[in-house]
C-alpha atoms as a PDB file:
ATOM      1  CA  UNK A   1      19.881   0.790 -11.912  1.00  0.00           C
ATOM      2  CA  UNK A   2      20.328   4.313 -10.575  1.00  0.00           C
ATOM      3  CA  UNK A   3      18.275   3.404  -7.487  1.00  0.00           C
ATOM      4  CA  UNK A   4      20.477   0.383  -6.816  1.00  0.00           C
ATOM      5  CA  UNK A   5      23.647   2.428  -7.313  1.00  0.00           C
ATOM      6  CA  UNK A   6      22.309   4.996  -4.827  1.00  0.00           C
ATOM      7  CA  UNK A   7      21.569   2.173  -2.382  1.00  0.00           C
ATOM      8  CA  UNK A   8      25.178   0.968  -2.671  1.00  0.00           C
ATOM      9  CA  UNK A   9      26.538   4.500  -2.222  1.00  0.00           C
ATOM     10  CA  UNK A  10      24.424   4.976   0.913  1.00  0.00           C
ATOM     11  CA  UNK A  11      25.503   1.607   2.279  1.00  0.00           C
ATOM     12  CA  UNK A  12      29.170   2.379   1.668  1.00  0.00           C
ATOM     13  CA  UNK A  13      28.875   5.854   3.223  1.00  0.00           C
ATOM     14  CA  UNK A  14      27.574   4.270   6.432  1.00  0.00           C
ATOM     15  CA  UNK A  15      30.068   1.384   6.418  1.00  0.00           C
ATOM     16  CA  UNK A  16      32.501   1.186   9.301  1.00  0.00           C
ATOM     17  CA  UNK A  17      35.299  -1.213   8.396  1.00  0.00           C
ATOM     18  CA  UNK A  18      39.076  -1.047   8.900  1.00  0.00           C
ATOM     19  CA  UNK A  19      39.581  -1.792   5.181  1.00  0.00           C
ATOM     20  CA  UNK A  20      36.923   0.631   3.907  1.00  0.00           C
ATOM     21  CA  UNK A  21      39.370   2.501   1.634  1.00  0.00           C
ATOM     22  CA  UNK A  22      40.562  -0.775   0.137  1.00  0.00           C
ATOM     23  CA  UNK A  23      37.002  -2.045  -0.276  1.00  0.00           C
ATOM     24  CA  UNK A  24      36.142   1.175  -2.142  1.00  0.00           C
ATOM     25  CA  UNK A  25      39.247   0.835  -4.351  1.00  0.00           C
ATOM     26  CA  UNK A  26      38.429  -2.767  -5.321  1.00  0.00           C
ATOM     27  CA  UNK A  27      34.783  -1.844  -5.902  1.00  0.00           C
ATOM     28  CA  UNK A  28      35.743   1.056  -8.184  1.00  0.00           C
ATOM     29  CA  UNK A  29      38.237  -1.087 -10.110  1.00  0.00           C
ATOM     30  CA  UNK A  30      35.652  -3.825 -10.720  1.00  0.00           C
ATOM     31  CA  UNK A  31      33.049  -1.323 -11.938  1.00  0.00           C
ATOM     32  CA  UNK A  32      35.584   0.419 -14.193  1.00  0.00           C
ATOM     33  CA  UNK A  33      36.735  -2.880 -15.715  1.00  0.00           C
ATOM     34  CA  UNK A  34      33.497  -3.595 -17.617  1.00  0.00           C
ATOM     35  CA  UNK A  35      30.581  -1.249 -18.284  1.00  0.00           C
ATOM     36  CA  UNK A  36      28.205  -4.249 -18.327  1.00  0.00           C
ATOM     37  CA  UNK A  37      28.821  -4.807 -14.608  1.00  0.00           C
ATOM     38  CA  UNK A  38      26.372  -3.101 -12.261  1.00  0.00           C
ATOM     39  CA  UNK A  39      26.037  -3.347  -8.514  1.00  0.00           C
ATOM     40  CA  UNK A  40      23.454  -3.609  -5.775  1.00  0.00           C
ATOM     41  CA  UNK A  41      23.327  -4.624  -2.115  1.00  0.00           C
ATOM     42  CA  UNK A  42      23.131  -8.357  -1.362  1.00  0.00           C
ATOM     43  CA  UNK A  43      24.019 -10.024   1.937  1.00  0.00           C
ATOM     44  CA  UNK A  44      24.525  -6.516   3.417  1.00  0.00           C
ATOM     45  CA  UNK A  45      27.399  -5.774   1.026  1.00  0.00           C
ATOM     46  CA  UNK A  46      28.063  -4.637  -2.560  1.00  0.00           C
ATOM     47  CA  UNK A  47      27.270  -7.315  -5.113  1.00  0.00           C
ATOM     48  CA  UNK A  48      28.262  -7.172  -8.764  1.00  0.00           C
ATOM     49  CA  UNK A  49      25.703  -8.088 -11.384  1.00  0.00           C
ATOM     50  CA  UNK A  50      26.234  -9.246 -14.953  1.00  0.00           C
ATOM     51  CA  UNK A  51      23.427 -10.352 -17.241  1.00  0.00           C
ATOM     52  CA  UNK A  52      20.846  -9.715 -14.521  1.00  0.00           C
ATOM     53  CA  UNK A  53      22.366 -12.111 -11.964  1.00  0.00           C
ATOM     54  CA  UNK A  54      24.594 -11.500  -8.980  1.00  0.00           C
ATOM     55  CA  UNK A  55      27.954 -13.101  -9.740  1.00  0.00           C
ATOM     56  CA  UNK A  56      30.484 -11.624  -7.309  1.00  0.00           C
ATOM     57  CA  UNK A  57      29.584 -10.383  -3.831  1.00  0.00           C
ATOM     58  CA  UNK A  58      31.677  -8.806  -1.104  1.00  0.00           C
ATOM     59  CA  UNK A  59      31.579 -10.281   2.392  1.00  0.00           C
ATOM     60  CA  UNK A  60      32.465  -7.564   4.880  1.00  0.00           C
ATOM     61  CA  UNK A  61      32.325  -9.551   8.128  1.00  0.00           C
ATOM     62  CA  UNK A  62      34.265 -10.469  10.182  1.00  0.00           C
ATOM     63  CA  UNK A  63      35.538  -6.922  10.470  1.00  0.00           C
ATOM     64  CA  UNK A  64      39.270  -7.639  10.278  1.00  0.00           C
ATOM     65  CA  UNK A  65      39.212  -8.888   6.674  1.00  0.00           C
ATOM     66  CA  UNK A  66      37.103  -8.669   3.576  1.00  0.00           C
ATOM     67  CA  UNK A  67      36.222 -11.421   1.175  1.00  0.00           C
ATOM     68  CA  UNK A  68      35.088 -11.561  -2.415  1.00  0.00           C
ATOM     69  CA  UNK A  69      32.636 -14.412  -3.060  1.00  0.00           C
ATOM     70  CA  UNK A  70      32.456 -15.809  -6.604  1.00  0.00           C
ATOM     71  CA  UNK A  71      29.133 -17.545  -7.308  1.00  0.00           C
ATOM     72  CA  UNK A  72      26.582 -18.133 -10.051  1.00  0.00           C
ATOM     73  CA  UNK A  73      23.589 -16.323  -8.595  1.00  0.00           C
ATOM     74  CA  UNK A  74      21.137 -16.802  -5.768  1.00  0.00           C
ATOM     75  CA  UNK A  75      19.704 -20.109  -7.012  1.00  0.00           C
ATOM     76  CA  UNK A  76      21.703 -23.327  -7.002  1.00  0.00           C
ATOM     77  CA  UNK A  77      22.604 -24.333 -10.538  1.00  0.00           C
ATOM     78  CA  UNK A  78      23.640 -27.681 -11.939  1.00  0.00           C
ATOM     79  CA  UNK A  79      27.437 -27.852 -11.961  1.00  0.00           C
ATOM     80  CA  UNK A  80      27.582 -30.542 -14.662  1.00  0.00           C
ATOM     81  CA  UNK A  81      29.678 -29.160 -17.483  1.00  0.00           C
ATOM     82  CA  UNK A  82      30.753 -26.098 -15.494  1.00  0.00           C
ATOM     83  CA  UNK A  83      34.468 -25.572 -15.109  1.00  0.00           C
ATOM     84  CA  UNK A  84      36.537 -22.518 -14.279  1.00  0.00           C
ATOM     85  CA  UNK A  85      40.301 -22.393 -14.392  1.00  0.00           C
ATOM     86  CA  UNK A  86      41.721 -20.073 -11.748  1.00  0.00           C
ATOM     87  CA  UNK A  87      45.082 -19.145 -13.226  1.00  0.00           C
ATOM     88  CA  UNK A  88      45.565 -16.499 -10.513  1.00  0.00           C
ATOM     89  CA  UNK A  89      45.678 -18.954  -7.625  1.00  0.00           C
ATOM     90  CA  UNK A  90      43.568 -16.525  -5.577  1.00  0.00           C
ATOM     91  CA  UNK A  91      40.376 -18.577  -5.282  1.00  0.00           C
ATOM     92  CA  UNK A  92      39.686 -20.934  -2.422  1.00  0.00           C
ATOM     93  CA  UNK A  93      36.994 -23.268  -3.764  1.00  0.00           C
ATOM     94  CA  UNK A  94      33.953 -23.790  -1.527  1.00  0.00           C
ATOM     95  CA  UNK A  95      32.041 -25.805  -4.147  1.00  0.00           C
ATOM     96  CA  UNK A  96      32.595 -26.621  -7.848  1.00  0.00           C
ATOM     97  CA  UNK A  97      31.008 -23.280  -8.783  1.00  0.00           C
ATOM     98  CA  UNK A  98      31.635 -21.150  -5.699  1.00  0.00           C
ATOM     99  CA  UNK A  99      34.882 -19.686  -4.482  1.00  0.00           C
ATOM    100  CA  UNK A 100      36.231 -17.006  -2.191  1.00  0.00           C
ATOM    101  CA  UNK A 101      39.189 -14.652  -2.212  1.00  0.00           C
ATOM    102  CA  UNK A 102      40.172 -13.431   1.256  1.00  0.00           C
ATOM    103  CA  UNK A 103      41.917 -10.086   1.633  1.00  0.00           C
ATOM    104  CA  UNK A 104      43.568  -9.723   5.028  1.00  0.00           C
ATOM    105  CA  UNK A 105      44.901  -6.166   5.091  1.00  0.00           C
ATOM    106  CA  UNK A 106      45.794  -3.139   2.959  1.00  0.00           C
ATOM    107  CA  UNK A 107      49.067  -4.707   1.775  1.00  0.00           C
ATOM    108  CA  UNK A 108      47.247  -7.893   0.713  1.00  0.00           C
ATOM    109  CA  UNK A 109      44.630  -5.870  -1.194  1.00  0.00           C
ATOM    110  CA  UNK A 110      47.323  -3.864  -2.979  1.00  0.00           C
ATOM    111  CA  UNK A 111      49.207  -7.032  -3.960  1.00  0.00           C
ATOM    112  CA  UNK A 112      46.116  -8.858  -5.258  1.00  0.00           C
ATOM    113  CA  UNK A 113      43.858  -6.102  -6.654  1.00  0.00           C
ATOM    114  CA  UNK A 114      44.899  -6.220 -10.322  1.00  0.00           C
ATOM    115  CA  UNK A 115      44.719 -10.031 -10.482  1.00  0.00           C
ATOM    116  CA  UNK A 116      41.411  -9.982  -8.595  1.00  0.00           C
ATOM    117  CA  UNK A 117      39.815  -7.541 -11.053  1.00  0.00           C
ATOM    118  CA  UNK A 118      40.941  -9.721 -13.995  1.00  0.00           C
ATOM    119  CA  UNK A 119      39.566 -12.775 -12.206  1.00  0.00           C
ATOM    120  CA  UNK A 120      36.195 -11.041 -11.726  1.00  0.00           C
ATOM    121  CA  UNK A 121      36.055 -10.254 -15.456  1.00  0.00           C
ATOM    122  CA  UNK A 122      36.835 -13.830 -16.417  1.00  0.00           C
ATOM    123  CA  UNK A 123      34.256 -15.133 -13.906  1.00  0.00           C
ATOM    124  CA  UNK A 124      31.557 -12.831 -15.301  1.00  0.00           C
ATOM    125  CA  UNK A 125      32.151 -14.192 -18.805  1.00  0.00           C
ATOM    126  CA  UNK A 126      32.380 -17.833 -17.674  1.00  0.00           C
ATOM    127  CA  UNK A 127      29.131 -17.668 -15.696  1.00  0.00           C
ATOM    128  CA  UNK A 128      27.096 -15.688 -18.217  1.00  0.00           C
ATOM    129  CA  UNK A 129      23.769 -17.311 -19.114  1.00  0.00           C
END
């Protein structure tokens, strides 16, 4: 995992994005929330791994915003029997098991960060194998 963490650090050091400080703050909060969460680069952005599978991945383009994609790994999985209750109201559902949270600016990130980190934790547990 150290190699993957180094890869993420290098990627973030080279990142040019207007919300870079906010991206770093959300990233740090997610990693601090659960020691079982690790990260690596996927889709040219930090991706958070739990139980060996990518579960939550940042989307850093287009440059004016950043998004947090909630998914169940790289391979399509049967959605029969899968349900997730988003009590935060942050998720925009793209599919029954795939959602996105869009963060528009620093104020938006600050307002949503705590709820987003809790949502990530709940998602990691709900999508565990």
